[in-house]
Each structure stands twice: as structure tokens, then as C-alpha cells.
Amino acid sequence: SEALLSQGAYFPTNPSQIWQGVLEFKPFALIMLGLVLLIITPVLNVAL
């Protein structure tokens, strides 16, 4: 991903960093929140 690396692109993995990025409407943070919710959905289903 040379083009992104040359720009110094990073994405958050910490929940607080993801939430902060979502509040700032950052695209990578929105994608990460969507992925986290997708992973949590079956866990919630089993708990229910």
C-alpha cells in the first residue's frame, strides 16, 4: 500500500480511538466501527 504509506496512513484499533475518529467523521474509523459491530453481532445473538 505504498501510496497510503507515503502519506503516513494509519487506522485506529483501540475502541477509544475508533470512537474519537467516528465523532470526527473519519472514514477509517467508520469502517472499523462497522467491522467491530459485525463481529459483535453473533456474540450478542448467542448471549440472547
All heavy atoms as atom14 arrays in JSON, in Angstrom:
{
  "sequence": "SEALLSQGAYFPTNPSQIWQGVLEFKPFALIMLGLVLLIITPVLNVAL",
  "atom14_mask": [
    [1, 1, 1, 1, 1, 1, 0, 0, 0, 0, 0, 0, 0, 0],
    [1, 1, 1, 1, 1, 1, 1, 1, 1, 0, 0, 0, 0, 0],
    [1, 1, 1, 1, 1, 0, 0, 0, 0, 0, 0, 0, 0, 0],
    [1, 1, 1, 1, 1, 1, 1, 1, 0, 0, 0, 0, 0, 0],
    [1, 1, 1, 1, 1, 1, 1, 1, 0, 0, 0, 0, 0, 0],
    [1, 1, 1, 1, 1, 1, 0, 0, 0, 0, 0, 0, 0, 0],
    [1, 1, 1, 1, 1, 1, 1, 1, 1, 0, 0, 0, 0, 0],
    [1, 1, 1, 1, 0, 0, 0, 0, 0, 0, 0, 0, 0, 0],
    [1, 1, 1, 1, 1, 0, 0, 0, 0, 0, 0, 0, 0, 0],
    [1, 1, 1, 1, 1, 1, 1, 1, 1, 1, 1, 1, 0, 0],
    [1, 1, 1, 1, 1, 1, 1, 1, 1, 1, 1, 0, 0, 0],
    [1, 1, 1, 1, 1, 1, 1, 0, 0, 0, 0, 0, 0, 0],
    [1, 1, 1, 1, 1, 1, 1, 0, 0, 0, 0, 0, 0, 0],
    [1, 1, 1, 1, 1, 1, 1, 1, 0, 0, 0, 0, 0, 0],
    [1, 1, 1, 1, 1, 1, 1, 0, 0, 0, 0, 0, 0, 0],
    [1, 1, 1, 1, 1, 1, 0, 0, 0, 0, 0, 0, 0, 0],
    [1, 1, 1, 1, 1, 1, 1, 1, 1, 0, 0, 0, 0, 0],
    [1, 1, 1, 1, 1, 1, 1, 1, 0, 0, 0, 0, 0, 0],
    [1, 1, 1, 1, 1, 1, 1, 1, 1, 1, 1, 1, 1, 1],
    [1, 1, 1, 1, 1, 1, 1, 1, 1, 0, 0, 0, 0, 0],
    [1, 1, 1, 1, 0, 0, 0, 0, 0, 0, 0, 0, 0, 0],
    [1, 1, 1, 1, 1, 1, 1, 0, 0, 0, 0, 0, 0, 0],
    [1, 1, 1, 1, 1, 1, 1, 1, 0, 0, 0, 0, 0, 0],
    [1, 1, 1, 1, 1, 1, 1, 1, 1, 0, 0, 0, 0, 0],
    [1, 1, 1, 1, 1, 1, 1, 1, 1, 1, 1, 0, 0, 0],
    [1, 1, 1, 1, 1, 1, 1, 1, 1, 0, 0, 0, 0, 0],
    [1, 1, 1, 1, 1, 1, 1, 0, 0, 0, 0, 0, 0, 0],
    [1, 1, 1, 1, 1, 1, 1, 1, 1, 1, 1, 0, 0, 0],
    [1, 1, 1, 1, 1, 0, 0, 0, 0, 0, 0, 0, 0, 0],
    [1, 1, 1, 1, 1, 1, 1, 1, 0, 0, 0, 0, 0, 0],
    [1, 1, 1, 1, 1, 1, 1, 1, 0, 0, 0, 0, 0, 0],
    [1, 1, 1, 1, 1, 1, 1, 1, 0, 0, 0, 0, 0, 0],
    [1, 1, 1, 1, 1, 1, 1, 1, 0, 0, 0, 0, 0, 0],
    [1, 1, 1, 1, 0, 0, 0, 0, 0, 0, 0, 0, 0, 0],
    [1, 1, 1, 1, 1, 1, 1, 1, 0, 0, 0, 0, 0, 0],
    [1, 1, 1, 1, 1, 1, 1, 0, 0, 0, 0, 0, 0, 0],
    [1, 1, 1, 1, 1, 1, 1, 1, 0, 0, 0, 0, 0, 0],
    [1, 1, 1, 1, 1, 1, 1, 1, 0, 0, 0, 0, 0, 0],
    [1, 1, 1, 1, 1, 1, 1, 1, 0, 0, 0, 0, 0, 0],
    [1, 1, 1, 1, 1, 1, 1, 1, 0, 0, 0, 0, 0, 0],
    [1, 1, 1, 1, 1, 1, 1, 0, 0, 0, 0, 0, 0, 0],
    [1, 1, 1, 1, 1, 1, 1, 0, 0, 0, 0, 0, 0, 0],
    [1, 1, 1, 1, 1, 1, 1, 0, 0, 0, 0, 0, 0, 0],
    [1, 1, 1, 1, 1, 1, 1, 1, 0, 0, 0, 0, 0, 0],
    [1, 1, 1, 1, 1, 1, 1, 1, 0, 0, 0, 0, 0, 0],
    [1, 1, 1, 1, 1, 1, 1, 0, 0, 0, 0, 0, 0, 0],
    [1, 1, 1, 1, 1, 0, 0, 0, 0, 0, 0, 0, 0, 0],
    [1, 1, 1, 1, 1, 1, 1, 1, 0, 0, 0, 0, 0, 0]
  ],
  "atom14_positions": [
    [[0.86, -1.18, 0.0], [0.0, 0.0, 0.0], [0.89, 1.23, 0.0], [0.76, 2.11, 0.84], [-0.91, 0.0, 1.22], [-1.63, -1.2, 1.29], [0.0, 0.0, 0.0], [0.0, 0.0, 0.0], [0.0, 0.0, 0.0], [0.0, 0.0, 0.0], [0.0, 0.0, 0.0], [0.0, 0.0, 0.0], [0.0, 0.0, 0.0], [0.0, 0.0, 0.0]],
    [[1.8, 1.29, -0.96], [2.81, 2.34, -0.97], [2.21, 3.74, -1.0], [2.72, 4.66, -0.34], [3.76, 2.17, -2.17], [4.7, 0.99, -2.03], [4.05, -0.33, -2.42], [2.99, -0.33, -3.08], [4.59, -1.37, -2.04], [0.0, 0.0, 0.0], [0.0, 0.0, 0.0], [0.0, 0.0, 0.0], [0.0, 0.0, 0.0], [0.0, 0.0, 0.0]],
    [[1.13, 3.94, -1.76], [0.54, 5.28, -1.86], [0.04, 5.74, -0.49], [0.25, 6.88, -0.09], [-0.6, 5.29, -2.86], [0.0, 0.0, 0.0], [0.0, 0.0, 0.0], [0.0, 0.0, 0.0], [0.0, 0.0, 0.0], [0.0, 0.0, 0.0], [0.0, 0.0, 0.0], [0.0, 0.0, 0.0], [0.0, 0.0, 0.0], [0.0, 0.0, 0.0]],
    [[-0.59, 4.84, 0.23], [-1.1, 5.21, 1.55], [0.03, 5.35, 2.56], [0.01, 6.22, 3.41], [-2.12, 4.18, 2.03], [-3.45, 4.18, 1.28], [-4.29, 2.98, 1.7], [-4.2, 5.46, 1.5], [0.0, 0.0, 0.0], [0.0, 0.0, 0.0], [0.0, 0.0, 0.0], [0.0, 0.0, 0.0], [0.0, 0.0, 0.0], [0.0, 0.0, 0.0]],
    [[1.03, 4.47, 2.44], [2.15, 4.56, 3.37], [2.95, 5.85, 3.17], [3.45, 6.42, 4.12], [3.08, 3.35, 3.2], [2.58, 2.05, 3.82], [3.49, 0.9, 3.45], [2.48, 2.18, 5.32], [0.0, 0.0, 0.0], [0.0, 0.0, 0.0], [0.0, 0.0, 0.0], [0.0, 0.0, 0.0], [0.0, 0.0, 0.0], [0.0, 0.0, 0.0]],
    [[3.04, 6.3, 1.92], [3.79, 7.53, 1.67], [3.09, 8.73, 2.31], [3.71, 9.73, 2.61], [3.97, 7.75, 0.17], [2.71, 8.01, -0.43], [0.0, 0.0, 0.0], [0.0, 0.0, 0.0], [0.0, 0.0, 0.0], [0.0, 0.0, 0.0], [0.0, 0.0, 0.0], [0.0, 0.0, 0.0], [0.0, 0.0, 0.0], [0.0, 0.0, 0.0]],
    [[1.76, 8.6, 2.53], [1.02, 9.67, 3.19], [1.04, 9.49, 4.7], [0.51, 10.32, 5.43], [-0.43, 9.67, 2.73], [-0.62, 9.91, 1.26], [-2.07, 9.75, 0.86], [-2.95, 9.65, 1.69], [-2.32, 9.7, -0.43], [0.0, 0.0, 0.0], [0.0, 0.0, 0.0], [0.0, 0.0, 0.0], [0.0, 0.0, 0.0], [0.0, 0.0, 0.0]],
    [[1.59, 8.4, 5.17], [1.6, 8.14, 6.61], [0.24, 7.7, 7.11], [-0.22, 8.15, 8.14], [0.0, 0.0, 0.0], [0.0, 0.0, 0.0], [0.0, 0.0, 0.0], [0.0, 0.0, 0.0], [0.0, 0.0, 0.0], [0.0, 0.0, 0.0], [0.0, 0.0, 0.0], [0.0, 0.0, 0.0], [0.0, 0.0, 0.0], [0.0, 0.0, 0.0]],
    [[-0.44, 6.82, 6.37], [-1.79, 6.41, 6.72], [-1.77, 5.33, 7.81], [-1.05, 4.35, 7.7], [-2.5, 5.89, 5.49], [0.0, 0.0, 0.0], [0.0, 0.0, 0.0], [0.0, 0.0, 0.0], [0.0, 0.0, 0.0], [0.0, 0.0, 0.0], [0.0, 0.0, 0.0], [0.0, 0.0, 0.0], [0.0, 0.0, 0.0], [0.0, 0.0, 0.0]],
    [[-2.56, 5.54, 8.81], [-2.73, 4.6, 9.9], [-4.21, 4.5, 10.2], [-4.98, 5.39, 9.85], [-1.99, 5.07, 11.16], [-0.49, 4.95, 11.02], [0.25, 5.95, 10.43], [0.16, 3.82, 11.47], [1.61, 5.83, 10.28], [1.53, 3.69, 11.32], [2.25, 4.7, 10.73], [3.59, 4.57, 10.58], [0.0, 0.0, 0.0], [0.0, 0.0, 0.0]],
    [[-4.63, 3.42, 10.83], [-6.02, 3.34, 11.25], [-6.08, 2.89, 12.7], [-5.2, 2.19, 13.17], [-6.84, 2.43, 10.34], [-6.41, 0.99, 10.32], [-6.97, 0.08, 11.18], [-5.45, 0.56, 9.42], [-6.59, -1.25, 11.15], [-5.05, -0.77, 9.4], [-5.62, -1.67, 10.25], [0.0, 0.0, 0.0], [0.0, 0.0, 0.0], [0.0, 0.0, 0.0]],
    [[-7.14, 3.31, 13.41], [-7.24, 3.01, 14.83], [-7.68, 1.56, 15.09], [-8.46, 1.01, 14.32], [-8.3, 3.99, 15.31], [-9.18, 4.18, 14.12], [-8.25, 4.11, 12.93], [0.0, 0.0, 0.0], [0.0, 0.0, 0.0], [0.0, 0.0, 0.0], [0.0, 0.0, 0.0], [0.0, 0.0, 0.0], [0.0, 0.0, 0.0], [0.0, 0.0, 0.0]],
    [[-7.19, 0.98, 16.15], [-7.64, -0.34, 16.57], [-8.15, -0.34, 18.0], [-8.79, -1.28, 18.44], [-6.5, -1.38, 16.46], [-5.39, -0.93, 17.23], [-6.09, -1.57, 15.01], [0.0, 0.0, 0.0], [0.0, 0.0, 0.0], [0.0, 0.0, 0.0], [0.0, 0.0, 0.0], [0.0, 0.0, 0.0], [0.0, 0.0, 0.0], [0.0, 0.0, 0.0]],
    [[-7.87, 0.7, 18.74], [-8.31, 0.85, 20.12], [-9.74, 1.4, 20.12], [-10.03, 2.33, 19.39], [-7.34, 1.84, 20.8], [-7.65, 2.05, 22.25], [-8.79, 2.23, 22.63], [-6.61, 2.05, 23.05], [0.0, 0.0, 0.0], [0.0, 0.0, 0.0], [0.0, 0.0, 0.0], [0.0, 0.0, 0.0], [0.0, 0.0, 0.0], [0.0, 0.0, 0.0]],
    [[-10.66, 0.84, 20.93], [-12.04, 1.33, 20.92], [-12.18, 2.83, 21.16], [-13.01, 3.49, 20.53], [-12.7, 0.54, 22.05], [-11.91, -0.71, 22.15], [-10.5, -0.32, 21.81], [0.0, 0.0, 0.0], [0.0, 0.0, 0.0], [0.0, 0.0, 0.0], [0.0, 0.0, 0.0], [0.0, 0.0, 0.0], [0.0, 0.0, 0.0], [0.0, 0.0, 0.0]],
    [[-11.37, 3.39, 22.04], [-11.49, 4.83, 22.28], [-11.02, 5.63, 21.07], [-11.6, 6.67, 20.73], [-10.71, 5.24, 23.53], [-9.33, 5.01, 23.35], [0.0, 0.0, 0.0], [0.0, 0.0, 0.0], [0.0, 0.0, 0.0], [0.0, 0.0, 0.0], [0.0, 0.0, 0.0], [0.0, 0.0, 0.0], [0.0, 0.0, 0.0], [0.0, 0.0, 0.0]],
    [[-9.98, 5.15, 20.38], [-9.52, 5.81, 19.17], [-10.55, 5.69, 18.04], [-10.76, 6.63, 17.28], [-8.18, 5.23, 18.71], [-7.04, 5.51, 19.65], [-6.67, 6.98, 19.69], [-6.82, 7.69, 18.71], [-6.19, 7.43, 20.83], [0.0, 0.0, 0.0], [0.0, 0.0, 0.0], [0.0, 0.0, 0.0], [0.0, 0.0, 0.0], [0.0, 0.0, 0.0]],
    [[-11.2, 4.53, 17.95], [-12.25, 4.35, 16.94], [-13.39, 5.32, 17.21], [-13.87, 6.02, 16.31], [-12.75, 2.89, 16.92], [-11.65, 1.96, 16.42], [-14.01, 2.76, 16.06], [-11.97, 0.49, 16.55], [0.0, 0.0, 0.0], [0.0, 0.0, 0.0], [0.0, 0.0, 0.0], [0.0, 0.0, 0.0], [0.0, 0.0, 0.0], [0.0, 0.0, 0.0]],
    [[-13.83, 5.39, 18.47], [-14.94, 6.26, 18.81], [-14.58, 7.73, 18.57], [-15.39, 8.5, 18.05], [-15.36, 6.05, 20.26], [-16.58, 6.85, 20.6], [-16.66, 7.87, 21.48], [-17.89, 6.7, 20.06], [-17.93, 8.37, 21.51], [-18.71, 7.66, 20.65], [-18.45, 5.82, 19.11], [-20.06, 7.79, 20.33], [-19.8, 5.96, 18.81], [-20.58, 6.93, 19.41]],
    [[-13.38, 8.13, 18.92], [-12.94, 9.51, 18.68], [-12.95, 9.8, 17.18], [-13.38, 10.87, 16.74], [-11.54, 9.74, 19.26], [-11.04, 11.16, 19.12], [-11.9, 12.17, 19.86], [-12.41, 11.87, 20.95], [-12.09, 13.33, 19.29], [0.0, 0.0, 0.0], [0.0, 0.0, 0.0], [0.0, 0.0, 0.0], [0.0, 0.0, 0.0], [0.0, 0.0, 0.0]],
    [[-12.48, 8.85, 16.37], [-12.49, 9.02, 14.93], [-13.89, 9.09, 14.35], [-14.16, 9.84, 13.41], [0.0, 0.0, 0.0], [0.0, 0.0, 0.0], [0.0, 0.0, 0.0], [0.0, 0.0, 0.0], [0.0, 0.0, 0.0], [0.0, 0.0, 0.0], [0.0, 0.0, 0.0], [0.0, 0.0, 0.0], [0.0, 0.0, 0.0], [0.0, 0.0, 0.0]],
    [[-14.82, 8.3, 14.91], [-16.21, 8.35, 14.46], [-16.81, 9.72, 14.76], [-17.51, 10.3, 13.92], [-17.05, 7.23, 15.12], [-18.54, 7.44, 14.91], [-16.63, 5.87, 14.57], [0.0, 0.0, 0.0], [0.0, 0.0, 0.0], [0.0, 0.0, 0.0], [0.0, 0.0, 0.0], [0.0, 0.0, 0.0], [0.0, 0.0, 0.0], [0.0, 0.0, 0.0]],
    [[-16.52, 10.25, 15.95], [-17.02, 11.59, 16.3], [-16.46, 12.65, 15.37], [-17.12, 13.66, 15.11], [-16.68, 11.92, 17.76], [-17.39, 11.07, 18.81], [-16.91, 11.46, 20.21], [-18.9, 11.2, 18.71], [0.0, 0.0, 0.0], [0.0, 0.0, 0.0], [0.0, 0.0, 0.0], [0.0, 0.0, 0.0], [0.0, 0.0, 0.0], [0.0, 0.0, 0.0]],
    [[-15.25, 12.42, 14.86], [-14.63, 13.36, 13.92], [-14.96, 13.0, 12.48], [-14.47, 13.62, 11.56], [-13.11, 13.37, 14.14], [-12.71, 13.9, 15.49], [-11.23, 13.73, 15.78], [-10.47, 13.35, 14.86], [-10.84, 13.97, 16.94], [0.0, 0.0, 0.0], [0.0, 0.0, 0.0], [0.0, 0.0, 0.0], [0.0, 0.0, 0.0], [0.0, 0.0, 0.0]],
    [[-15.81, 11.99, 12.28], [-16.29, 11.54, 10.97], [-15.15, 11.14, 10.04], [-15.13, 11.48, 8.86], [-17.16, 12.64, 10.34], [-18.31, 12.09, 9.54], [-19.25, 11.28, 10.14], [-18.45, 12.38, 8.2], [-20.31, 10.78, 9.42], [-19.5, 11.87, 7.46], [-20.44, 11.07, 8.07], [0.0, 0.0, 0.0], [0.0, 0.0, 0.0], [0.0, 0.0, 0.0]],
    [[-14.2, 10.37, 10.58], [-13.06, 9.89, 9.79], [-13.46, 8.57, 9.11], [-13.99, 7.67, 9.77], [-11.84, 9.68, 10.67], [-11.28, 10.98, 11.22], [-10.02, 10.73, 12.03], [-9.44, 12.05, 12.51], [-8.16, 11.84, 13.19], [0.0, 0.0, 0.0], [0.0, 0.0, 0.0], [0.0, 0.0, 0.0], [0.0, 0.0, 0.0], [0.0, 0.0, 0.0]],
    [[-13.22, 8.45, 7.81], [-13.65, 7.25, 7.08], [-13.13, 5.93, 7.65], [-13.9, 4.98, 7.78], [-13.09, 7.47, 5.66], [-13.03, 8.95, 5.53], [-12.66, 9.45, 6.9], [0.0, 0.0, 0.0], [0.0, 0.0, 0.0], [0.0, 0.0, 0.0], [0.0, 0.0, 0.0], [0.0, 0.0, 0.0], [0.0, 0.0, 0.0], [0.0, 0.0, 0.0]],
    [[-11.84, 5.85, 7.99], [-11.31, 4.59, 8.52], [-11.95, 4.23, 9.86], [-12.17, 3.06, 10.14], [-9.79, 4.66, 8.68], [-9.03, 4.59, 7.38], [-7.68, 4.78, 7.36], [-9.66, 4.32, 6.19], [-6.96, 4.72, 6.18], [-8.97, 4.26, 4.99], [-7.6, 4.46, 4.99], [0.0, 0.0, 0.0], [0.0, 0.0, 0.0], [0.0, 0.0, 0.0]],
    [[-12.26, 5.21, 10.67], [-12.91, 4.95, 11.95], [-14.33, 4.42, 11.74], [-14.77, 3.51, 12.46], [-12.93, 6.21, 12.81], [0.0, 0.0, 0.0], [0.0, 0.0, 0.0], [0.0, 0.0, 0.0], [0.0, 0.0, 0.0], [0.0, 0.0, 0.0], [0.0, 0.0, 0.0], [0.0, 0.0, 0.0], [0.0, 0.0, 0.0], [0.0, 0.0, 0.0]],
    [[-15.05, 4.96, 10.77], [-16.4, 4.46, 10.47], [-16.34, 3.01, 9.99], [-17.16, 2.18, 10.39], [-17.06, 5.34, 9.41], [-17.47, 6.73, 9.88], [-17.88, 7.6, 8.7], [-18.6, 6.65, 10.88], [0.0, 0.0, 0.0], [0.0, 0.0, 0.0], [0.0, 0.0, 0.0], [0.0, 0.0, 0.0], [0.0, 0.0, 0.0], [0.0, 0.0, 0.0]],
    [[-15.37, 2.72, 9.14], [-15.21, 1.34, 8.66], [-14.87, 0.41, 9.81], [-15.44, -0.69, 9.93], [-14.13, 1.28, 7.55], [-14.62, 2.02, 6.3], [-13.78, -0.17, 7.22], [-13.56, 2.23, 5.25], [0.0, 0.0, 0.0], [0.0, 0.0, 0.0], [0.0, 0.0, 0.0], [0.0, 0.0, 0.0], [0.0, 0.0, 0.0], [0.0, 0.0, 0.0]],
    [[-13.97, 0.83, 10.68], [-13.58, -0.01, 11.83], [-14.77, -0.24, 12.77], [-14.96, -1.35, 13.27], [-12.43, 0.62, 12.6], [-11.1, 0.59, 11.86], [-10.51, -1.08, 11.54], [-10.14, -1.61, 13.2], [0.0, 0.0, 0.0], [0.0, 0.0, 0.0], [0.0, 0.0, 0.0], [0.0, 0.0, 0.0], [0.0, 0.0, 0.0], [0.0, 0.0, 0.0]],
    [[-15.58, 0.81, 13.02], [-16.76, 0.64, 13.88], [-17.73, -0.35, 13.25], [-18.29, -1.2, 13.95], [-17.43, 1.98, 14.14], [-18.68, 1.93, 15.03], [-18.34, 1.4, 16.41], [-19.34, 3.29, 15.11], [0.0, 0.0, 0.0], [0.0, 0.0, 0.0], [0.0, 0.0, 0.0], [0.0, 0.0, 0.0], [0.0, 0.0, 0.0], [0.0, 0.0, 0.0]],
    [[-17.92, -0.26, 11.93], [-18.78, -1.22, 11.25], [-18.28, -2.64, 11.38], [-19.06, -3.57, 11.61], [0.0, 0.0, 0.0], [0.0, 0.0, 0.0], [0.0, 0.0, 0.0], [0.0, 0.0, 0.0], [0.0, 0.0, 0.0], [0.0, 0.0, 0.0], [0.0, 0.0, 0.0], [0.0, 0.0, 0.0], [0.0, 0.0, 0.0], [0.0, 0.0, 0.0]],
    [[-16.97, -2.82, 11.26], [-16.39, -4.16, 11.41], [-16.53, -4.69, 12.83], [-16.82, -5.86, 13.05], [-14.92, -4.15, 10.99], [-14.66, -3.96, 9.49], [-13.17, -3.8, 9.22], [-15.23, -5.13, 8.71], [0.0, 0.0, 0.0], [0.0, 0.0, 0.0], [0.0, 0.0, 0.0], [0.0, 0.0, 0.0], [0.0, 0.0, 0.0], [0.0, 0.0, 0.0]],
    [[-16.32, -3.81, 13.81], [-16.48, -4.22, 15.21], [-17.92, -4.64, 15.48], [-18.18, -5.67, 16.12], [-16.02, -3.1, 16.17], [-16.44, -3.38, 17.6], [-14.52, -2.91, 16.09], [0.0, 0.0, 0.0], [0.0, 0.0, 0.0], [0.0, 0.0, 0.0], [0.0, 0.0, 0.0], [0.0, 0.0, 0.0], [0.0, 0.0, 0.0], [0.0, 0.0, 0.0]],
    [[-18.88, -3.87, 14.98], [-20.29, -4.22, 15.16], [-20.63, -5.53, 14.46], [-21.41, -6.34, 14.98], [-21.2, -3.1, 14.66], [-21.22, -1.84, 15.5], [-22.1, -0.78, 14.85], [-21.71, -2.13, 16.91], [0.0, 0.0, 0.0], [0.0, 0.0, 0.0], [0.0, 0.0, 0.0], [0.0, 0.0, 0.0], [0.0, 0.0, 0.0], [0.0, 0.0, 0.0]],
    [[-20.03, -5.76, 13.3], [-20.26, -7.0, 12.58], [-19.74, -8.21, 13.36], [-20.35, -9.27, 13.38], [-19.6, -6.94, 11.2], [-19.92, -8.06, 10.23], [-21.41, -8.09, 9.9], [-19.11, -7.91, 8.97], [0.0, 0.0, 0.0], [0.0, 0.0, 0.0], [0.0, 0.0, 0.0], [0.0, 0.0, 0.0], [0.0, 0.0, 0.0], [0.0, 0.0, 0.0]],
    [[-18.62, -8.02, 14.05], [-18.05, -9.1, 14.86], [-18.87, -9.32, 16.13], [-19.07, -10.45, 16.57], [-16.58, -8.78, 15.2], [-15.73, -8.86, 13.93], [-16.04, -9.73, 16.27], [-14.33, -8.31, 14.08], [0.0, 0.0, 0.0], [0.0, 0.0, 0.0], [0.0, 0.0, 0.0], [0.0, 0.0, 0.0], [0.0, 0.0, 0.0], [0.0, 0.0, 0.0]],
    [[-19.37, -8.24, 16.72], [-20.12, -8.33, 17.97], [-21.52, -8.92, 17.78], [-22.06, -9.54, 18.69], [-20.19, -6.95, 18.65], [-18.81, -6.57, 19.18], [-21.22, -6.91, 19.76], [-18.74, -5.18, 19.75], [0.0, 0.0, 0.0], [0.0, 0.0, 0.0], [0.0, 0.0, 0.0], [0.0, 0.0, 0.0], [0.0, 0.0, 0.0], [0.0, 0.0, 0.0]],
    [[-22.09, -8.76, 16.59], [-23.48, -9.19, 16.35], [-23.73, -10.67, 16.69], [-24.66, -10.97, 17.44], [-23.89, -8.87, 14.9], [-23.83, -7.46, 14.71], [-25.29, -9.36, 14.6], [0.0, 0.0, 0.0], [0.0, 0.0, 0.0], [0.0, 0.0, 0.0], [0.0, 0.0, 0.0], [0.0, 0.0, 0.0], [0.0, 0.0, 0.0], [0.0, 0.0, 0.0]],
    [[-22.93, -11.63, 16.2], [-23.21, -13.01, 16.57], [-22.96, -13.31, 18.05], [-23.63, -14.17, 18.64], [-22.28, -13.85, 15.69], [-21.37, -12.91, 15.02], [-21.88, -11.53, 15.19], [0.0, 0.0, 0.0], [0.0, 0.0, 0.0], [0.0, 0.0, 0.0], [0.0, 0.0, 0.0], [0.0, 0.0, 0.0], [0.0, 0.0, 0.0], [0.0, 0.0, 0.0]],
    [[-22.05, -12.59, 18.66], [-21.81, -12.78, 20.09], [-23.04, -12.36, 20.88], [-23.49, -13.05, 21.79], [-20.56, -11.99, 20.55], [-20.35, -12.11, 22.05], [-19.32, -12.47, 19.81], [0.0, 0.0, 0.0], [0.0, 0.0, 0.0], [0.0, 0.0, 0.0], [0.0, 0.0, 0.0], [0.0, 0.0, 0.0], [0.0, 0.0, 0.0], [0.0, 0.0, 0.0]],
    [[-23.6, -11.22, 20.51], [-24.83, -10.75, 21.14], [-25.97, -11.73, 20.9], [-26.77, -12.0, 21.81], [-25.21, -9.35, 20.62], [-26.49, -8.74, 21.14], [-26.42, -8.55, 22.66], [-26.77, -7.42, 20.45], [0.0, 0.0, 0.0], [0.0, 0.0, 0.0], [0.0, 0.0, 0.0], [0.0, 0.0, 0.0], [0.0, 0.0, 0.0], [0.0, 0.0, 0.0]],
    [[-26.02, -12.31, 19.72], [-27.06, -13.27, 19.4], [-26.96, -14.52, 20.27], [-27.97, -15.02, 20.77], [-26.96, -13.64, 17.92], [-28.29, -14.02, 17.34], [-29.32, -13.51, 17.75], [-28.27, -14.9, 16.36], [0.0, 0.0, 0.0], [0.0, 0.0, 0.0], [0.0, 0.0, 0.0], [0.0, 0.0, 0.0], [0.0, 0.0, 0.0], [0.0, 0.0, 0.0]],
    [[-25.75, -15.01, 20.48], [-25.56, -16.18, 21.34], [-25.91, -15.83, 22.79], [-26.54, -16.63, 23.49], [-24.11, -16.73, 21.24], [-23.85, -17.79, 22.28], [-23.85, -17.27, 19.85], [0.0, 0.0, 0.0], [0.0, 0.0, 0.0], [0.0, 0.0, 0.0], [0.0, 0.0, 0.0], [0.0, 0.0, 0.0], [0.0, 0.0, 0.0], [0.0, 0.0, 0.0]],
    [[-25.55, -14.63, 23.24], [-25.89, -14.21, 24.6], [-27.41, -14.12, 24.78], [-27.94, -14.53, 25.82], [-25.23, -12.87, 24.92], [0.0, 0.0, 0.0], [0.0, 0.0, 0.0], [0.0, 0.0, 0.0], [0.0, 0.0, 0.0], [0.0, 0.0, 0.0], [0.0, 0.0, 0.0], [0.0, 0.0, 0.0], [0.0, 0.0, 0.0], [0.0, 0.0, 0.0]],
    [[-28.11, -13.59, 23.78], [-29.57, -13.52, 23.86], [-30.2, -14.91, 23.84], [-31.17, -15.17, 24.56], [-30.13, -12.69, 22.71], [-29.9, -11.19, 22.8], [-30.35, -10.5, 21.52], [-30.61, -10.6, 24.0], [0.0, 0.0, 0.0], [0.0, 0.0, 0.0], [0.0, 0.0, 0.0], [0.0, 0.0, 0.0], [0.0, 0.0, 0.0], [0.0, 0.0, 0.0]]
  ]
}
